[in-house]
PDB file of N, CA and C in Angstrom:
ATOM      1  N   MET A   1       0.811  -1.265  -0.098  1.00  0.00           N
ATOM      2  CA  MET A   1      -0.092  -0.040   0.058  1.00  0.00           C
ATOM      3  C   MET A   1       0.944   1.209   0.220  1.00  0.00           C
ATOM      4  N   THR A   2       0.307   2.419  -0.734  1.00  0.00           N
ATOM      5  CA  THR A   2       1.078   3.517  -0.657  1.00  0.00           C
ATOM      6  C   THR A   2       0.999   4.230   0.497  1.00  0.00           C
ATOM      7  N   GLU A   3       1.758   5.236   0.877  1.00  0.00           N
ATOM      8  CA  GLU A   3       1.610   5.950   2.035  1.00  0.00           C
ATOM      9  C   GLU A   3       0.497   6.789   2.047  1.00  0.00           C
ATOM     10  N   GLY A   4      -0.243   7.147   1.205  1.00  0.00           N
ATOM     11  CA  GLY A   4      -1.385   7.958   1.179  1.00  0.00           C
ATOM     12  C   GLY A   4      -1.138   9.484   1.058  1.00  0.00           C
ATOM     13  N   LEU A   5      -2.325  10.146   0.737  1.00  0.00           N
ATOM     14  CA  LEU A   5      -2.013  11.543   0.671  1.00  0.00           C
ATOM     15  C   LEU A   5      -1.751  12.400   1.649  1.00  0.00           C
ATOM     16  N   ILE A   6      -2.475  12.181   2.908  1.00  0.00           N
ATOM     17  CA  ILE A   6      -2.171  12.798   4.290  1.00  0.00           C
ATOM     18  C   ILE A   6      -0.534  12.809   4.580  1.00  0.00           C
ATOM     19  N   GLU A   7       0.001  11.516   4.502  1.00  0.00           N
ATOM     20  CA  GLU A   7       1.435  11.460   4.891  1.00  0.00           C
ATOM     21  C   GLU A   7       2.323  12.164   3.871  1.00  0.00           C
ATOM     22  N   ARG A   8       1.888  12.060   2.681  1.00  0.00           N
ATOM     23  CA  ARG A   8       2.779  12.895   1.690  1.00  0.00           C
ATOM     24  C   ARG A   8       2.757  14.012   1.738  1.00  0.00           C
ATOM     25  N   TYR A   9       1.648  14.687   2.037  1.00  0.00           N
ATOM     26  CA  TYR A   9       1.384  16.393   2.006  1.00  0.00           C
ATOM     27  C   TYR A   9       1.073  16.715   3.633  1.00  0.00           C
ATOM     28  N   ARG A  10       1.441  16.100   4.445  1.00  0.00           N
ATOM     29  CA  ARG A  10       0.989  16.435   5.768  1.00  0.00           C
ATOM     30  C   ARG A  10       1.499  17.765   6.240  1.00  0.00           C
ATOM     31  N   ALA A  11       2.567  18.155   5.758  1.00  0.00           N
ATOM     32  CA  ALA A  11       3.048  19.479   6.266  1.00  0.00           C
ATOM     33  C   ALA A  11       2.134  20.584   5.611  1.00  0.00           C
ATOM     34  N   ARG A  12       1.213  20.365   4.833  1.00  0.00           N
ATOM     35  CA  ARG A  12       0.397  21.436   4.217  1.00  0.00           C
ATOM     36  C   ARG A  12      -0.998  21.137   4.599  1.00  0.00           C
ATOM     37  N   LEU A  13      -1.245  20.336   5.437  1.00  0.00           N
ATOM     38  CA  LEU A  13      -2.648  19.841   5.756  1.00  0.00           C
ATOM     39  C   LEU A  13      -2.943  20.229   7.244  1.00  0.00           C
ATOM     40  N   PRO A  14      -4.039  20.407   7.584  1.00  0.00           N
ATOM     41  CA  PRO A  14      -4.569  20.493   8.934  1.00  0.00           C
ATOM     42  C   PRO A  14      -4.516  19.304   9.733  1.00  0.00           C
ATOM     43  N   VAL A  15      -3.501  18.657   9.846  1.00  0.00           N
ATOM     44  CA  VAL A  15      -3.437  17.334  10.703  1.00  0.00           C
ATOM     45  C   VAL A  15      -2.268  17.481  11.764  1.00  0.00           C
ATOM     46  N   ALA A  16      -2.590  17.211  12.966  1.00  0.00           N
ATOM     47  CA  ALA A  16      -1.635  17.223  14.080  1.00  0.00           C
ATOM     48  C   ALA A  16      -0.412  16.264  13.749  1.00  0.00           C
ATOM     49  N   ASP A  17       0.613  16.697  14.352  1.00  0.00           N
ATOM     50  CA  ASP A  17       1.845  15.565  14.236  1.00  0.00           C
ATOM     51  C   ASP A  17       1.539  14.312  14.729  1.00  0.00           C
ATOM     52  N   ASP A  18       0.812  14.238  15.686  1.00  0.00           N
ATOM     53  CA  ASP A  18       0.452  13.040  16.539  1.00  0.00           C
ATOM     54  C   ASP A  18      -0.880  12.251  15.915  1.00  0.00           C
ATOM     55  N   ALA A  19      -1.524  12.776  15.202  1.00  0.00           N
ATOM     56  CA  ALA A  19      -2.893  12.290  14.621  1.00  0.00           C
ATOM     57  C   ALA A  19      -2.674  11.034  14.058  1.00  0.00           C
ATOM     58  N   ARG A  20      -3.652  10.025  14.307  1.00  0.00           N
ATOM     59  CA  ARG A  20      -3.780   8.848  13.695  1.00  0.00           C
ATOM     60  C   ARG A  20      -4.378   8.941  12.334  1.00  0.00           C
ATOM     61  N   VAL A  21      -3.681   8.675  11.186  1.00  0.00           N
ATOM     62  CA  VAL A  21      -4.091   8.987   9.831  1.00  0.00           C
ATOM     63  C   VAL A  21      -4.883   7.695   9.416  1.00  0.00           C
ATOM     64  N   ILE A  22      -6.139   7.813   8.822  1.00  0.00           N
ATOM     65  CA  ILE A  22      -6.788   6.727   8.178  1.00  0.00           C
ATOM     66  C   ILE A  22      -6.617   6.875   6.899  1.00  0.00           C
ATOM     67  N   THR A  23      -5.968   5.851   6.261  1.00  0.00           N
ATOM     68  CA  THR A  23      -5.689   5.925   4.872  1.00  0.00           C
ATOM     69  C   THR A  23      -5.894   4.510   4.210  1.00  0.00           C
ATOM     70  N   LEU A  24      -6.411   4.622   2.724  1.00  0.00           N
ATOM     71  CA  LEU A  24      -6.465   3.235   1.993  1.00  0.00           C
ATOM     72  C   LEU A  24      -5.495   3.140   0.994  1.00  0.00           C
ATOM     73  N   GLY A  25      -4.465   4.302   1.114  1.00  0.00           N
ATOM     74  CA  GLY A  25      -3.394   4.262   0.061  1.00  0.00           C
ATOM     75  C   GLY A  25      -4.056   5.023  -1.215  1.00  0.00           C
ATOM     76  N   GLU A  26      -4.824   5.814  -0.811  1.00  0.00           N
ATOM     77  CA  GLU A  26      -5.475   6.640  -1.847  1.00  0.00           C
ATOM     78  C   GLU A  26      -4.258   7.608  -2.557  1.00  0.00           C
ATOM     79  N   GLY A  27      -4.633   8.057  -3.745  1.00  0.00           N
ATOM     80  CA  GLY A  27      -3.708   8.943  -4.454  1.00  0.00           C
ATOM     81  C   GLY A  27      -2.677   8.280  -5.310  1.00  0.00           C
ATOM     82  N   ASN A  28      -1.698   8.843  -5.771  1.00  0.00           N
ATOM     83  CA  ASN A  28      -0.564   8.448  -6.657  1.00  0.00           C
ATOM     84  C   ASN A  28      -1.056   7.803  -7.701  1.00  0.00           C
ATOM     85  N   THR A  29      -2.310   8.138  -8.232  1.00  0.00           N
ATOM     86  CA  THR A  29      -2.613   7.689  -9.527  1.00  0.00           C
ATOM     87  C   THR A  29      -1.927   8.368 -10.723  1.00  0.00           C
ATOM     88  N   PRO A  30      -2.049   7.442 -11.812  1.00  0.00           N
ATOM     89  CA  PRO A  30      -1.036   7.946 -12.926  1.00  0.00           C
ATOM     90  C   PRO A  30      -1.701   8.959 -13.804  1.00  0.00           C
ATOM     91  N   LEU A  31      -1.044   9.755 -14.449  1.00  0.00           N
ATOM     92  CA  LEU A  31      -1.439  10.536 -15.546  1.00  0.00           C
ATOM     93  C   LEU A  31      -1.225   9.809 -16.830  1.00  0.00           C
ATOM     94  N   VAL A  32      -2.070   9.709 -17.710  1.00  0.00           N
ATOM     95  CA  VAL A  32      -2.210   8.770 -18.911  1.00  0.00           C
ATOM     96  C   VAL A  32      -2.269   9.669 -20.075  1.00  0.00           C
ATOM     97  N   ARG A  33      -1.395   9.655 -20.959  1.00  0.00           N
ATOM     98  CA  ARG A  33      -1.172  10.541 -21.970  1.00  0.00           C
ATOM     99  C   ARG A  33      -2.287   9.893 -23.072  1.00  0.00           C
ATOM    100  N   LEU A  34      -3.210  10.718 -23.642  1.00  0.00           N
ATOM    101  CA  LEU A  34      -4.102  10.618 -24.699  1.00  0.00           C
ATOM    102  C   LEU A  34      -3.537  11.056 -26.142  1.00  0.00           C
ATOM    103  N   ASP A  35      -3.270  10.189 -26.922  1.00  0.00           N
ATOM    104  CA  ASP A  35      -2.419  10.525 -28.114  1.00  0.00           C
ATOM    105  C   ASP A  35      -3.593  10.746 -29.299  1.00  0.00           C
ATOM    106  N   ASN A  36      -4.613  10.111 -29.085  1.00  0.00           N
ATOM    107  CA  ASN A  36      -5.668   9.907 -30.132  1.00  0.00           C
ATOM    108  C   ASN A  36      -6.627  11.478 -30.200  1.00  0.00           C
ATOM    109  N   ILE A  37      -6.760  12.065 -28.935  1.00  0.00           N
ATOM    110  CA  ILE A  37      -7.556  13.062 -28.986  1.00  0.00           C
ATOM    111  C   ILE A  37      -7.047  14.374 -29.703  1.00  0.00           C
ATOM    112  N   PRO A  38      -5.605  14.757 -29.254  1.00  0.00           N
ATOM    113  CA  PRO A  38      -5.290  15.803 -30.121  1.00  0.00           C
ATOM    114  C   PRO A  38      -5.303  15.458 -31.726  1.00  0.00           C
ATOM    115  N   GLU A  39      -5.217  14.266 -32.374  1.00  0.00           N
ATOM    116  CA  GLU A  39      -5.044  13.959 -33.494  1.00  0.00           C
ATOM    117  C   GLU A  39      -6.265  14.196 -34.028  1.00  0.00           C
ATOM    118  N   VAL A  40      -7.509  13.679 -33.218  1.00  0.00           N
ATOM    119  CA  VAL A  40      -8.864  13.942 -33.967  1.00  0.00           C
ATOM    120  C   VAL A  40      -9.252  15.329 -34.001  1.00  0.00           C
ATOM    121  N   ASN A  41      -8.715  16.137 -33.180  1.00  0.00           N
ATOM    122  CA  ASN A  41      -9.122  17.649 -33.223  1.00  0.00           C
ATOM    123  C   ASN A  41      -8.040  18.470 -33.847  1.00  0.00           C
ATOM    124  N   ASP A  42      -7.186  17.718 -34.714  1.00  0.00           N
ATOM    125  CA  ASP A  42      -6.082  18.456 -35.436  1.00  0.00           C
ATOM    126  C   ASP A  42      -5.296  19.660 -34.537  1.00  0.00           C
ATOM    127  N   ARG A  43      -4.960  19.067 -33.446  1.00  0.00           N
ATOM    128  CA  ARG A  43      -4.249  19.907 -32.534  1.00  0.00           C
ATOM    129  C   ARG A  43      -2.747  19.352 -32.331  1.00  0.00           C
ATOM    130  N   ASP A  44      -1.839  20.273 -32.124  1.00  0.00           N
ATOM    131  CA  ASP A  44      -0.316  19.707 -31.895  1.00  0.00           C
ATOM    132  C   ASP A  44      -0.263  19.883 -30.412  1.00  0.00           C
ATOM    133  N   ILE A  45      -0.770  19.102 -29.575  1.00  0.00           N
ATOM    134  CA  ILE A  45      -0.593  19.250 -28.180  1.00  0.00           C
ATOM    135  C   ILE A  45      -0.367  17.826 -27.406  1.00  0.00           C
ATOM    136  N   GLU A  46       0.077  17.959 -26.246  1.00  0.00           N
ATOM    137  CA  GLU A  46       0.266  16.740 -25.470  1.00  0.00           C
ATOM    138  C   GLU A  46      -0.939  16.865 -24.325  1.00  0.00           C
ATOM    139  N   LEU A  47      -1.880  15.736 -24.442  1.00  0.00           N
ATOM    140  CA  LEU A  47      -3.005  15.702 -23.479  1.00  0.00           C
ATOM    141  C   LEU A  47      -2.823  14.656 -22.526  1.00  0.00           C
ATOM    142  N   TYR A  48      -2.919  14.815 -21.254  1.00  0.00           N
ATOM    143  CA  TYR A  48      -2.972  13.971 -20.293  1.00  0.00           C
ATOM    144  C   TYR A  48      -4.188  13.945 -19.436  1.00  0.00           C
ATOM    145  N   VAL A  49      -4.542  12.719 -18.964  1.00  0.00           N
ATOM    146  CA  VAL A  49      -5.693  12.594 -17.735  1.00  0.00           C
ATOM    147  C   VAL A  49      -5.229  11.972 -16.624  1.00  0.00           C
ATOM    148  N   LYS A  50      -5.742  12.220 -15.520  1.00  0.00           N
ATOM    149  CA  LYS A  50      -5.641  11.572 -14.154  1.00  0.00           C
ATOM    150  C   LYS A  50      -6.352  10.452 -14.147  1.00  0.00           C
ATOM    151  N   TYR A  51      -5.845   9.204 -13.926  1.00  0.00           N
ATOM    152  CA  TYR A  51      -6.719   7.899 -13.821  1.00  0.00           C
ATOM    153  C   TYR A  51      -7.068   7.740 -12.600  1.00  0.00           C
ATOM    154  N   GLU A  52      -8.140   8.354 -12.026  1.00  0.00           N
ATOM    155  CA  GLU A  52      -8.705   8.217 -10.534  1.00  0.00           C
ATOM    156  C   GLU A  52      -9.306   7.021 -10.268  1.00  0.00           C
ATOM    157  N   GLY A  53      -9.661   5.984 -11.216  1.00  0.00           N
ATOM    158  CA  GLY A  53     -10.318   4.895 -11.149  1.00  0.00           C
ATOM    159  C   GLY A  53      -9.245   3.835 -10.301  1.00  0.00           C
ATOM    160  N   LEU A  54      -8.045   4.157 -10.232  1.00  0.00           N
ATOM    161  CA  LEU A  54      -7.154   3.230  -9.662  1.00  0.00           C
ATOM    162  C   LEU A  54      -7.154   3.554  -7.997  1.00  0.00           C
ATOM    163  N   ASN A  55      -7.853   4.591  -7.537  1.00  0.00           N
ATOM    164  CA  ASN A  55      -7.981   4.832  -6.092  1.00  0.00           C
ATOM    165  C   ASN A  55      -8.690   3.347  -5.562  1.00  0.00           C
ATOM    166  N   PRO A  56      -8.583   3.277  -4.299  1.00  0.00           N
ATOM    167  CA  PRO A  56      -8.940   2.224  -3.532  1.00  0.00           C
ATOM    168  C   PRO A  56     -10.438   1.743  -4.041  1.00  0.00           C
ATOM    169  N   THR A  57     -11.482   2.660  -3.898  1.00  0.00           N
ATOM    170  CA  THR A  57     -12.867   2.411  -4.020  1.00  0.00           C
ATOM    171  C   THR A  57     -13.243   2.863  -5.660  1.00  0.00           C
ATOM    172  N   GLY A  58     -12.345   3.301  -6.610  1.00  0.00           N
ATOM    173  CA  GLY A  58     -12.368   3.626  -7.756  1.00  0.00           C
ATOM    174  C   GLY A  58     -12.871   4.893  -8.071  1.00  0.00           C
ATOM    175  N   SER A  59     -12.728   5.951  -7.015  1.00  0.00           N
ATOM    176  CA  SER A  59     -13.313   7.186  -7.177  1.00  0.00           C
ATOM    177  C   SER A  59     -12.268   8.009  -6.722  1.00  0.00           C
ATOM    178  N   PHE A  60     -12.372   9.356  -7.254  1.00  0.00           N
ATOM    179  CA  PHE A  60     -11.447  10.479  -6.692  1.00  0.00           C
ATOM    180  C   PHE A  60     -12.067  10.964  -5.376  1.00  0.00           C
ATOM    181  N   LYS A  61     -13.216  10.612  -5.010  1.00  0.00           N
ATOM    182  CA  LYS A  61     -13.687  10.876  -3.569  1.00  0.00           C
ATOM    183  C   LYS A  61     -12.764  10.283  -2.525  1.00  0.00           C
ATOM    184  N   ASP A  62     -12.116   9.388  -2.662  1.00  0.00           N
ATOM    185  CA  ASP A  62     -11.210   8.813  -1.777  1.00  0.00           C
ATOM    186  C   ASP A  62     -10.144   9.703  -1.097  1.00  0.00           C
ATOM    187  N   ARG A  63      -9.887  10.805  -2.129  1.00  0.00           N
ATOM    188  CA  ARG A  63      -8.830  11.778  -1.744  1.00  0.00           C
ATOM    189  C   ARG A  63      -9.219  12.714  -0.732  1.00  0.00           C
ATOM    190  N   GLY A  64     -10.481  13.156  -0.794  1.00  0.00           N
ATOM    191  CA  GLY A  64     -11.141  13.944   0.326  1.00  0.00           C
ATOM    192  C   GLY A  64     -11.536  13.274   1.506  1.00  0.00           C
ATOM    193  N   MET A  65     -12.007  11.861   1.268  1.00  0.00           N
ATOM    194  CA  MET A  65     -12.504  11.215   2.384  1.00  0.00           C
ATOM    195  C   MET A  65     -11.510  10.753   3.451  1.00  0.00           C
ATOM    196  N   THR A  66     -10.166  10.592   2.927  1.00  0.00           N
ATOM    197  CA  THR A  66      -8.919  10.260   4.056  1.00  0.00           C
ATOM    198  C   THR A  66      -9.084  11.476   4.961  1.00  0.00           C
ATOM    199  N   MET A  67      -8.880  12.657   4.511  1.00  0.00           N
ATOM    200  CA  MET A  67      -8.785  13.874   5.339  1.00  0.00           C
ATOM    201  C   MET A  67     -10.053  13.867   6.362  1.00  0.00           C
ATOM    202  N   ALA A  68     -11.405  13.692   5.758  1.00  0.00           N
ATOM    203  CA  ALA A  68     -12.565  13.663   6.569  1.00  0.00           C
ATOM    204  C   ALA A  68     -12.452  12.790   7.683  1.00  0.00           C
ATOM    205  N   ILE A  69     -12.260  11.403   7.436  1.00  0.00           N
ATOM    206  CA  ILE A  69     -12.218  10.446   8.393  1.00  0.00           C
ATOM    207  C   ILE A  69     -11.246  10.566   9.237  1.00  0.00           C
ATOM    208  N   THR A  70      -9.887  10.937   8.908  1.00  0.00           N
ATOM    209  CA  THR A  70      -8.731  11.225   9.860  1.00  0.00           C
ATOM    210  C   THR A  70      -9.257  12.290  10.715  1.00  0.00           C
ATOM    211  N   ARG A  71      -9.849  13.428  10.515  1.00  0.00           N
ATOM    212  CA  ARG A  71     -10.204  14.461  11.214  1.00  0.00           C
ATOM    213  C   ARG A  71     -11.494  13.938  12.270  1.00  0.00           C
ATOM    214  N   ALA A  72     -12.189  13.299  11.863  1.00  0.00           N
ATOM    215  CA  ALA A  72     -13.300  12.791  12.483  1.00  0.00           C
ATOM    216  C   ALA A  72     -12.965  12.056  13.462  1.00  0.00           C
ATOM    217  N   VAL A  73     -11.991  11.119  13.368  1.00  0.00           N
ATOM    218  CA  VAL A  73     -11.368  10.210  14.376  1.00  0.00           C
ATOM    219  C   VAL A  73     -10.634  10.749  15.309  1.00  0.00           C
ATOM    220  N   ASN A  74      -9.796  11.729  14.891  1.00  0.00           N
ATOM    221  CA  ASN A  74      -8.909  12.553  15.700  1.00  0.00           C
ATOM    222  C   ASN A  74      -9.603  13.524  16.586  1.00  0.00           C
ATOM    223  N   GLU A  75     -10.944  13.817  16.393  1.00  0.00           N
ATOM    224  CA  GLU A  75     -11.716  14.894  17.171  1.00  0.00           C
ATOM    225  C   GLU A  75     -12.743  13.848  17.878  1.00  0.00           C
ATOM    226  N   GLY A  76     -12.494  12.617  18.030  1.00  0.00           N
ATOM    227  CA  GLY A  76     -13.247  11.634  18.800  1.00  0.00           C
ATOM    228  C   GLY A  76     -14.784  11.194  18.304  1.00  0.00           C
ATOM    229  N   SER A  77     -14.923  11.249  17.167  1.00  0.00           N
ATOM    230  CA  SER A  77     -16.147  10.915  16.470  1.00  0.00           C
ATOM    231  C   SER A  77     -16.234   9.340  16.667  1.00  0.00           C
ATOM    232  N   GLN A  78     -17.385   8.734  16.946  1.00  0.00           N
ATOM    233  CA  GLN A  78     -17.567   7.392  17.036  1.00  0.00           C
ATOM    234  C   GLN A  78     -18.299   6.735  15.945  1.00  0.00           C
ATOM    235  N   ALA A  79     -18.862   7.760  14.989  1.00  0.00           N
ATOM    236  CA  ALA A  79     -19.510   7.271  13.921  1.00  0.00           C
ATOM    237  C   ALA A  79     -19.513   8.398  12.805  1.00  0.00           C
ATOM    238  N   VAL A  80     -19.635   7.999  11.424  1.00  0.00           N
ATOM    239  CA  VAL A  80     -19.898   9.087  10.548  1.00  0.00           C
ATOM    240  C   VAL A  80     -20.983   8.649   9.585  1.00  0.00           C
ATOM    241  N   LEU A  81     -21.509   9.614   9.142  1.00  0.00           N
ATOM    242  CA  LEU A  81     -22.681   9.283   8.055  1.00  0.00           C
ATOM    243  C   LEU A  81     -22.615  10.400   7.090  1.00  0.00           C
ATOM    244  N   CYS A  82     -23.118  10.002   5.630  1.00  0.00           N
ATOM    245  CA  CYS A  82     -23.187  10.961   4.685  1.00  0.00           C
ATOM    246  C   CYS A  82     -24.412  10.552   3.791  1.00  0.00           C
ATOM    247  N   ALA A  83     -24.989  11.605   3.118  1.00  0.00           N
ATOM    248  CA  ALA A  83     -25.969  11.244   2.104  1.00  0.00           C
ATOM    249  C   ALA A  83     -25.265  11.269   0.937  1.00  0.00           C
ATOM    250  N   SER A  84     -25.485  10.130   0.118  1.00  0.00           N
ATOM    251  CA  SER A  84     -24.991  10.142  -1.203  1.00  0.00           C
ATOM    252  C   SER A  84     -25.610   8.735  -1.938  1.00  0.00           C
ATOM    253  N   THR A  85     -25.392   8.821  -3.235  1.00  0.00           N
ATOM    254  CA  THR A  85     -26.075   7.878  -4.139  1.00  0.00           C
ATOM    255  C   THR A  85     -25.036   6.971  -4.647  1.00  0.00           C
ATOM    256  N   GLY A  86     -23.939   7.132  -4.153  1.00  0.00           N
ATOM    257  CA  GLY A  86     -22.789   6.306  -4.954  1.00  0.00           C
ATOM    258  C   GLY A  86     -21.433   6.567  -4.389  1.00  0.00           C
ATOM    259  N   ASN A  87     -20.451   7.207  -5.057  1.00  0.00           N
ATOM    260  CA  ASN A  87     -18.950   7.202  -4.714  1.00  0.00           C
ATOM    261  C   ASN A  87     -18.710   7.855  -3.416  1.00  0.00           C
ATOM    262  N   THR A  88     -19.442   8.822  -2.946  1.00  0.00           N
ATOM    263  CA  THR A  88     -19.204   9.380  -1.689  1.00  0.00           C
ATOM    264  C   THR A  88     -19.515   8.338  -0.449  1.00  0.00           C
ATOM    265  N   SER A  89     -20.383   7.689  -0.446  1.00  0.00           N
ATOM    266  CA  SER A  89     -20.919   6.837   0.277  1.00  0.00           C
ATOM    267  C   SER A  89     -19.990   5.623   0.275  1.00  0.00           C
ATOM    268  N   ALA A  90     -19.732   5.046  -0.827  1.00  0.00           N
ATOM    269  CA  ALA A  90     -18.639   3.953  -0.968  1.00  0.00           C
ATOM    270  C   ALA A  90     -17.289   4.284  -0.021  1.00  0.00           C
ATOM    271  N   SER A  91     -16.713   5.558  -0.610  1.00  0.00           N
ATOM    272  CA  SER A  91     -15.556   5.884   0.088  1.00  0.00           C
ATOM    273  C   SER A  91     -15.569   6.063   1.502  1.00  0.00           C
ATOM    274  N   ALA A  92     -16.703   6.682   1.951  1.00  0.00           N
ATOM    275  CA  ALA A  92     -16.914   6.833   3.332  1.00  0.00           C
ATOM    276  C   ALA A  92     -17.011   5.586   4.163  1.00  0.00           C
ATOM    277  N   ALA A  93     -17.855   4.617   3.556  1.00  0.00           N
ATOM    278  CA  ALA A  93     -17.795   3.285   4.197  1.00  0.00           C
ATOM    279  C   ALA A  93     -16.524   2.646   4.229  1.00  0.00           C
ATOM    280  N   ALA A  94     -15.674   2.556   3.258  1.00  0.00           N
ATOM    281  CA  ALA A  94     -14.611   2.015   3.177  1.00  0.00           C
ATOM    282  C   ALA A  94     -13.717   2.608   4.208  1.00  0.00           C
ATOM    283  N   SER A  95     -13.371   4.054   4.151  1.00  0.00           N
ATOM    284  CA  SER A  95     -12.529   4.700   5.067  1.00  0.00           C
ATOM    285  C   SER A  95     -12.928   4.370   6.389  1.00  0.00           C
ATOM    286  N   ALA A  96     -14.387   4.404   6.801  1.00  0.00           N
ATOM    287  CA  ALA A  96     -14.817   4.202   8.353  1.00  0.00           C
ATOM    288  C   ALA A  96     -14.442   2.701   8.734  1.00  0.00           C
ATOM    289  N   ALA A  97     -14.580   1.890   7.848  1.00  0.00           N
ATOM    290  CA  ALA A  97     -14.302   0.516   8.206  1.00  0.00           C
ATOM    291  C   ALA A  97     -12.834   0.464   8.494  1.00  0.00           C
ATOM    292  N   ARG A  98     -11.935   1.054   7.779  1.00  0.00           N
ATOM    293  CA  ARG A  98     -10.439   1.061   7.907  1.00  0.00           C
ATOM    294  C   ARG A  98     -10.301   1.668   9.466  1.00  0.00           C
ATOM    295  N   ALA A  99     -11.005   2.587   9.622  1.00  0.00           N
ATOM    296  CA  ALA A  99     -10.966   3.389  10.836  1.00  0.00           C
ATOM    297  C   ALA A  99     -11.176   2.623  12.206  1.00  0.00           C
ATOM    298  N   GLY A 100     -12.137   1.472  11.859  1.00  0.00           N
ATOM    299  CA  GLY A 100     -12.611   0.658  12.842  1.00  0.00           C
ATOM    300  C   GLY A 100     -13.930   1.157  13.440  1.00  0.00           C
TER     301      GLY A 100
END
């Protein structure tokens, strides 16, 4: 598992030095070069996209949820809940399960 976003950017985030970090190893997703799109549009550019589907729950929502659950745990929360029809709830459930 990768170190995760909070450990990587800890100095820039509102996380105490002694905070328990809840991570699924999110982030560190690759940039993928799209060669055919510039050709189709007759452009001489290099175009890249971030492949967020490689995050643990397959969504970019994991990036923010690691901070949300880390903060909740370190502030003493015993439970979390969210209203969502998909990716946010999947990410929240996975991160909360990791938190215990």
